[in-house]
Every structure is written in structure tokens, then in C-alpha cells.
Amino acid sequence: MYAIVETGGKQYQVEEGRYVDVELLGEEKDAKVVFDKVVMIVNGAKSKVGQPYVEKASVEGTIIKLDRAKKIIVYKQRPKKGYRKKQGHRQGFARVMINKIRTTASKKAVETTEA
């Protein structure tokens, strides 16, 4: 069983017990997160497709790591004009371990602990 969720303007395929790297969520490490925008749930004959989202479905996870991706180089040049510009960029991401895919209305409120 897997689900397709939408977060940060992108869609990700997630499974229970696996992790996924998503855009930064504004939460700290070890915080619980809930993805409510579930586009599709695939479970054999019990698959559900949302219009645009599956009602009463959610995906729960825990942030296990906050990091930045490998550096990319952005290089711009105009020929015969003497214009050259070199920049580097590292995109931040949050690694989320997927704990539970819920398909019913039994969503639990997730409380974040502030220390």
C-alpha cells in the first residue's frame, strides 16, 4: 500500500516504514507532521483517487533529518561581452519517516512538543 501526497507544490509517493525527502516544513527535528493533501491511495482493489484530494485521508510522519542537498553550480555568460557570473546553491530539505497512512476519519491530532 502506498499513497501520493502533495506538499511544497510537489507530489511524492510514500509508503509506511520508508522515508521521503520533501521541501522544508518549518518544523524541528523529531517533530510529528501530518500530510492532509492525499491525492491517491493505492491498495489493490481498495484504491482511491481524489478529486482533487481523498476525503478523510492523511499520512503521518516524523522528521528524522534536516539537511541541505548537494551543491549545484549556476553559471551565466554572454559571449563577446565580458559578462560571467558563477553562483552556487544548496537546497534545504526535510527527511520524513512515514509512520502511518490513514484512510478513514480516525485522524488523531498531532501535538508538537516544544522544548
N, C-alpha and C. Protein backbone atom coordinates (compact mmCIF):
# COMPACT_ATOMS: atom_id res chain seq x y z
N MET A 1 0.85 -1.18 0.00
CA MET A 1 0.00 0.00 0.00
C MET A 1 0.89 1.23 0.00
N TYR A 2 0.57 2.18 -0.86
CA TYR A 2 1.28 3.44 -0.88
C TYR A 2 0.31 4.56 -1.19
N ALA A 3 0.76 5.78 -0.95
CA ALA A 3 -0.08 6.95 -1.18
C ALA A 3 0.74 8.00 -1.92
N ILE A 4 0.04 8.88 -2.60
CA ILE A 4 0.67 10.02 -3.25
C ILE A 4 0.17 11.26 -2.53
N VAL A 5 1.10 12.02 -1.94
CA VAL A 5 0.74 13.22 -1.19
C VAL A 5 1.32 14.45 -1.87
N GLU A 6 0.71 15.58 -1.59
CA GLU A 6 1.16 16.85 -2.14
C GLU A 6 1.64 17.74 -1.01
N THR A 7 2.87 18.23 -1.12
CA THR A 7 3.43 19.16 -0.15
C THR A 7 4.51 19.98 -0.82
N GLY A 8 4.57 21.24 -0.51
CA GLY A 8 5.59 22.11 -1.08
C GLY A 8 5.44 22.31 -2.57
N GLY A 9 4.22 22.16 -3.10
CA GLY A 9 4.00 22.32 -4.52
C GLY A 9 4.41 21.13 -5.36
N LYS A 10 4.78 20.03 -4.72
CA LYS A 10 5.20 18.83 -5.44
C LYS A 10 4.42 17.63 -4.92
N GLN A 11 4.43 16.56 -5.69
CA GLN A 11 3.77 15.33 -5.29
C GLN A 11 4.81 14.25 -5.04
N TYR A 12 4.61 13.47 -3.97
CA TYR A 12 5.56 12.44 -3.58
C TYR A 12 4.82 11.13 -3.35
N GLN A 13 5.44 10.03 -3.77
CA GLN A 13 4.91 8.70 -3.49
C GLN A 13 5.52 8.23 -2.18
N VAL A 14 4.68 7.87 -1.20
CA VAL A 14 5.16 7.48 0.12
C VAL A 14 4.61 6.11 0.51
N GLU A 15 5.39 5.38 1.29
CA GLU A 15 4.99 4.08 1.83
C GLU A 15 5.30 4.06 3.32
N GLU A 16 4.57 3.27 4.08
CA GLU A 16 4.83 3.14 5.51
C GLU A 16 6.19 2.49 5.72
N GLY A 17 6.95 3.01 6.70
CA GLY A 17 8.24 2.45 7.03
C GLY A 17 9.38 2.95 6.15
N ARG A 18 9.11 3.82 5.20
CA ARG A 18 10.15 4.36 4.33
C ARG A 18 10.21 5.86 4.54
N TYR A 19 11.31 6.47 4.12
CA TYR A 19 11.44 7.92 4.26
C TYR A 19 11.37 8.60 2.90
N VAL A 20 11.07 9.90 2.94
CA VAL A 20 10.99 10.71 1.73
C VAL A 20 11.58 12.08 2.04
N ASP A 21 12.31 12.64 1.08
CA ASP A 21 12.88 13.98 1.23
C ASP A 21 11.93 14.99 0.61
N VAL A 22 11.43 15.93 1.44
CA VAL A 22 10.48 16.94 0.98
C VAL A 22 11.06 18.33 1.23
N GLU A 23 10.38 19.34 0.71
CA GLU A 23 10.78 20.71 0.97
C GLU A 23 10.72 20.99 2.47
N LEU A 24 11.46 21.98 2.94
CA LEU A 24 11.46 22.31 4.37
C LEU A 24 10.05 22.64 4.84
N LEU A 25 9.70 22.14 6.02
CA LEU A 25 8.34 22.27 6.54
C LEU A 25 8.21 23.29 7.66
N GLY A 26 9.30 23.88 8.10
CA GLY A 26 9.25 24.85 9.19
C GLY A 26 9.13 24.21 10.55
N GLU A 27 9.44 22.94 10.66
CA GLU A 27 9.38 22.22 11.92
C GLU A 27 10.79 21.81 12.33
N GLU A 28 10.93 21.41 13.58
CA GLU A 28 12.22 20.96 14.11
C GLU A 28 12.37 19.45 13.90
N LYS A 29 13.58 18.96 14.16
CA LYS A 29 13.84 17.53 14.08
C LYS A 29 13.01 16.80 15.14
N ASP A 30 12.58 15.60 14.85
CA ASP A 30 11.76 14.73 15.71
C ASP A 30 10.33 15.25 15.89
N ALA A 31 9.92 16.22 15.10
CA ALA A 31 8.54 16.73 15.17
C ALA A 31 7.63 15.83 14.34
N LYS A 32 6.39 15.68 14.78
CA LYS A 32 5.39 14.91 14.05
C LYS A 32 4.76 15.82 13.00
N VAL A 33 4.55 15.28 11.79
CA VAL A 33 3.90 16.03 10.72
C VAL A 33 2.77 15.20 10.14
N VAL A 34 1.74 15.89 9.65
CA VAL A 34 0.60 15.23 9.03
C VAL A 34 0.39 15.86 7.66
N PHE A 35 0.35 15.03 6.63
CA PHE A 35 0.07 15.48 5.28
C PHE A 35 -1.41 15.19 5.00
N ASP A 36 -2.23 16.26 4.87
CA ASP A 36 -3.66 16.09 4.64
C ASP A 36 -4.02 16.06 3.16
N LYS A 37 -3.15 16.55 2.31
CA LYS A 37 -3.43 16.60 0.87
C LYS A 37 -3.00 15.28 0.22
N VAL A 38 -3.84 14.27 0.37
CA VAL A 38 -3.57 12.96 -0.19
C VAL A 38 -4.26 12.89 -1.55
N VAL A 39 -3.49 12.78 -2.61
CA VAL A 39 -4.03 12.77 -3.97
C VAL A 39 -4.58 11.40 -4.34
N MET A 40 -3.89 10.34 -3.88
CA MET A 40 -4.28 8.99 -4.28
C MET A 40 -3.78 7.99 -3.26
N ILE A 41 -4.58 6.94 -3.02
CA ILE A 41 -4.16 5.82 -2.17
C ILE A 41 -4.28 4.55 -3.01
N VAL A 42 -3.20 3.79 -3.11
CA VAL A 42 -3.19 2.57 -3.91
C VAL A 42 -3.10 1.39 -2.95
N ASN A 43 -4.15 0.56 -2.97
CA ASN A 43 -4.22 -0.62 -2.10
C ASN A 43 -5.01 -1.71 -2.82
N GLY A 44 -4.51 -2.14 -3.96
CA GLY A 44 -5.18 -3.20 -4.72
C GLY A 44 -6.57 -2.77 -5.18
N ALA A 45 -7.58 -3.56 -4.83
CA ALA A 45 -8.96 -3.26 -5.23
C ALA A 45 -9.56 -2.12 -4.42
N LYS A 46 -8.93 -1.75 -3.29
CA LYS A 46 -9.45 -0.68 -2.43
C LYS A 46 -8.78 0.66 -2.73
N SER A 47 -8.26 0.84 -3.92
CA SER A 47 -7.58 2.08 -4.28
C SER A 47 -8.58 3.22 -4.36
N LYS A 48 -8.11 4.42 -4.00
CA LYS A 48 -8.95 5.61 -4.03
C LYS A 48 -8.21 6.73 -4.75
N VAL A 49 -8.94 7.45 -5.60
CA VAL A 49 -8.38 8.59 -6.31
C VAL A 49 -9.17 9.82 -5.87
N GLY A 50 -8.47 10.86 -5.47
CA GLY A 50 -9.14 12.07 -5.00
C GLY A 50 -9.51 13.00 -6.12
N GLN A 51 -10.47 13.88 -5.83
CA GLN A 51 -10.91 14.88 -6.79
C GLN A 51 -11.02 16.22 -6.11
N PRO A 52 -10.00 16.98 -5.82
CA PRO A 52 -8.59 16.69 -6.10
C PRO A 52 -7.90 15.87 -5.01
N TYR A 53 -8.49 15.81 -3.80
CA TYR A 53 -7.86 15.07 -2.70
C TYR A 53 -8.82 14.01 -2.17
N VAL A 54 -8.26 12.94 -1.60
CA VAL A 54 -9.06 11.88 -0.98
C VAL A 54 -9.60 12.41 0.34
N GLU A 55 -10.92 12.32 0.54
CA GLU A 55 -11.53 12.81 1.77
C GLU A 55 -11.19 11.89 2.94
N LYS A 56 -11.00 12.50 4.10
CA LYS A 56 -10.75 11.80 5.36
C LYS A 56 -9.52 10.90 5.30
N ALA A 57 -8.52 11.29 4.53
CA ALA A 57 -7.29 10.52 4.45
C ALA A 57 -6.13 11.42 4.86
N SER A 58 -5.14 10.82 5.49
CA SER A 58 -3.96 11.57 5.89
C SER A 58 -2.77 10.63 5.99
N VAL A 59 -1.59 11.23 5.97
CA VAL A 59 -0.35 10.48 6.12
C VAL A 59 0.42 11.11 7.27
N GLU A 60 0.82 10.28 8.24
CA GLU A 60 1.54 10.77 9.41
C GLU A 60 3.01 10.37 9.30
N GLY A 61 3.87 11.29 9.74
CA GLY A 61 5.30 11.02 9.68
C GLY A 61 6.05 11.77 10.76
N THR A 62 7.35 11.49 10.84
CA THR A 62 8.24 12.13 11.80
C THR A 62 9.45 12.64 11.05
N ILE A 63 9.85 13.88 11.34
CA ILE A 63 11.04 14.45 10.72
C ILE A 63 12.26 13.82 11.38
N ILE A 64 13.08 13.15 10.58
CA ILE A 64 14.26 12.50 11.15
C ILE A 64 15.55 13.25 10.83
N LYS A 65 15.50 14.18 9.87
CA LYS A 65 16.72 14.88 9.50
C LYS A 65 16.38 16.17 8.76
N LEU A 66 17.10 17.25 9.08
CA LEU A 66 17.03 18.50 8.34
C LEU A 66 18.42 18.73 7.75
N ASP A 67 18.49 18.89 6.44
CA ASP A 67 19.80 18.98 5.79
C ASP A 67 19.68 19.80 4.52
N ARG A 68 20.81 19.92 3.84
CA ARG A 68 20.82 20.60 2.55
C ARG A 68 21.39 19.66 1.50
N ALA A 69 20.89 19.77 0.28
CA ALA A 69 21.28 18.87 -0.80
C ALA A 69 22.67 19.23 -1.32
N LYS A 70 23.16 18.43 -2.23
CA LYS A 70 24.45 18.65 -2.85
C LYS A 70 24.45 19.97 -3.61
N LYS A 71 25.58 20.65 -3.61
CA LYS A 71 25.68 21.96 -4.25
C LYS A 71 25.58 21.85 -5.77
N ILE A 72 24.80 22.77 -6.36
CA ILE A 72 24.75 22.88 -7.81
C ILE A 72 25.38 24.21 -8.19
N ILE A 73 25.96 24.27 -9.38
CA ILE A 73 26.61 25.48 -9.86
C ILE A 73 25.72 26.11 -10.93
N VAL A 74 25.46 27.40 -10.78
CA VAL A 74 24.69 28.17 -11.75
C VAL A 74 25.69 29.12 -12.42
N TYR A 75 25.92 28.93 -13.73
CA TYR A 75 26.92 29.72 -14.45
C TYR A 75 26.25 30.41 -15.62
N LYS A 76 26.41 31.73 -15.70
CA LYS A 76 25.83 32.53 -16.78
C LYS A 76 26.95 33.26 -17.50
N GLN A 77 26.84 33.33 -18.84
CA GLN A 77 27.85 34.02 -19.63
C GLN A 77 27.22 34.57 -20.90
N ARG A 78 27.63 35.76 -21.27
CA ARG A 78 27.23 36.36 -22.54
C ARG A 78 28.47 36.39 -23.45
N PRO A 79 28.38 35.76 -24.60
CA PRO A 79 29.56 35.72 -25.46
C PRO A 79 29.95 37.10 -25.98
N LYS A 80 31.25 37.34 -26.02
CA LYS A 80 31.86 38.56 -26.58
C LYS A 80 31.49 39.82 -25.81
N LYS A 81 30.94 39.72 -24.61
CA LYS A 81 30.55 40.89 -23.83
C LYS A 81 31.32 41.00 -22.52
N GLY A 82 32.06 39.99 -22.14
CA GLY A 82 32.82 40.02 -20.90
C GLY A 82 31.97 39.82 -19.65
N TYR A 83 30.77 39.26 -19.83
CA TYR A 83 29.87 39.04 -18.69
C TYR A 83 29.94 37.57 -18.28
N ARG A 84 30.38 37.32 -17.05
CA ARG A 84 30.39 35.98 -16.49
C ARG A 84 29.92 36.06 -15.04
N LYS A 85 29.07 35.14 -14.65
CA LYS A 85 28.55 35.11 -13.28
C LYS A 85 28.46 33.65 -12.84
N LYS A 86 29.07 33.35 -11.69
CA LYS A 86 29.05 31.99 -11.17
C LYS A 86 28.47 32.01 -9.76
N GLN A 87 27.45 31.19 -9.56
CA GLN A 87 26.81 31.10 -8.25
C GLN A 87 26.67 29.64 -7.86
N GLY A 88 26.65 29.38 -6.57
CA GLY A 88 26.37 28.04 -6.06
C GLY A 88 25.08 28.08 -5.25
N HIS A 89 24.39 26.94 -5.17
CA HIS A 89 23.14 26.88 -4.42
C HIS A 89 22.99 25.49 -3.81
N ARG A 90 22.56 25.45 -2.54
CA ARG A 90 22.23 24.20 -1.86
C ARG A 90 20.80 24.30 -1.35
N GLN A 91 19.93 23.46 -1.85
CA GLN A 91 18.52 23.47 -1.48
C GLN A 91 18.32 22.71 -0.18
N GLY A 92 17.59 23.30 0.76
CA GLY A 92 17.30 22.63 2.02
C GLY A 92 16.18 21.62 1.85
N PHE A 93 16.23 20.54 2.66
CA PHE A 93 15.17 19.54 2.62
C PHE A 93 14.97 18.96 4.01
N ALA A 94 13.82 18.34 4.20
CA ALA A 94 13.50 17.63 5.44
C ALA A 94 13.27 16.17 5.08
N ARG A 95 13.95 15.27 5.78
CA ARG A 95 13.75 13.84 5.56
C ARG A 95 12.69 13.38 6.55
N VAL A 96 11.59 12.84 6.02
CA VAL A 96 10.43 12.46 6.83
C VAL A 96 10.25 10.94 6.75
N MET A 97 10.21 10.30 7.93
CA MET A 97 9.91 8.87 8.01
C MET A 97 8.39 8.72 8.08
N ILE A 98 7.82 7.94 7.17
CA ILE A 98 6.37 7.76 7.11
C ILE A 98 5.97 6.69 8.13
N ASN A 99 5.11 7.07 9.07
CA ASN A 99 4.68 6.16 10.13
C ASN A 99 3.37 5.45 9.80
N LYS A 100 2.39 6.19 9.30
CA LYS A 100 1.05 5.62 9.12
C LYS A 100 0.34 6.30 7.96
N ILE A 101 -0.35 5.51 7.15
CA ILE A 101 -1.24 6.03 6.11
C ILE A 101 -2.65 5.75 6.57
N ARG A 102 -3.39 6.80 6.85
CA ARG A 102 -4.77 6.65 7.35
C ARG A 102 -5.75 6.92 6.22
N THR A 103 -6.77 6.07 6.13
CA THR A 103 -7.76 6.21 5.07
C THR A 103 -9.16 6.53 5.59
N THR A 104 -9.34 6.57 6.91
CA THR A 104 -10.66 6.82 7.48
C THR A 104 -10.66 8.12 8.26
N ALA A 105 -11.77 8.40 8.91
CA ALA A 105 -11.92 9.65 9.65
C ALA A 105 -11.28 9.60 11.03
N SER A 106 -10.56 8.54 11.34
CA SER A 106 -9.96 8.42 12.67
C SER A 106 -8.61 9.11 12.75
N LYS A 107 -8.55 10.34 12.23
CA LYS A 107 -7.32 11.12 12.30
C LYS A 107 -7.11 11.57 13.74
N LYS A 108 -5.89 11.45 14.23
CA LYS A 108 -5.58 11.92 15.57
C LYS A 108 -4.87 13.26 15.45
N ALA A 109 -5.17 14.14 16.38
CA ALA A 109 -4.48 15.42 16.39
C ALA A 109 -3.05 15.19 16.85
N VAL A 110 -2.12 15.73 16.10
CA VAL A 110 -0.71 15.57 16.43
C VAL A 110 -0.24 16.80 17.17
N GLU A 111 0.27 16.58 18.36
CA GLU A 111 0.76 17.69 19.18
C GLU A 111 2.27 17.75 19.06
N THR A 112 2.76 18.95 18.79
CA THR A 112 4.21 19.12 18.72
C THR A 112 4.71 19.56 20.08
N THR A 113 5.77 18.92 20.50
CA THR A 113 6.33 19.28 21.80
C THR A 113 7.37 20.34 21.62
N GLU A 114 7.29 21.37 22.42
CA GLU A 114 8.23 22.47 22.36
C GLU A 114 9.16 22.35 23.56
N ALA A 115 10.43 22.28 23.30
CA ALA A 115 11.39 22.14 24.40
C ALA A 115 12.27 23.36 24.47
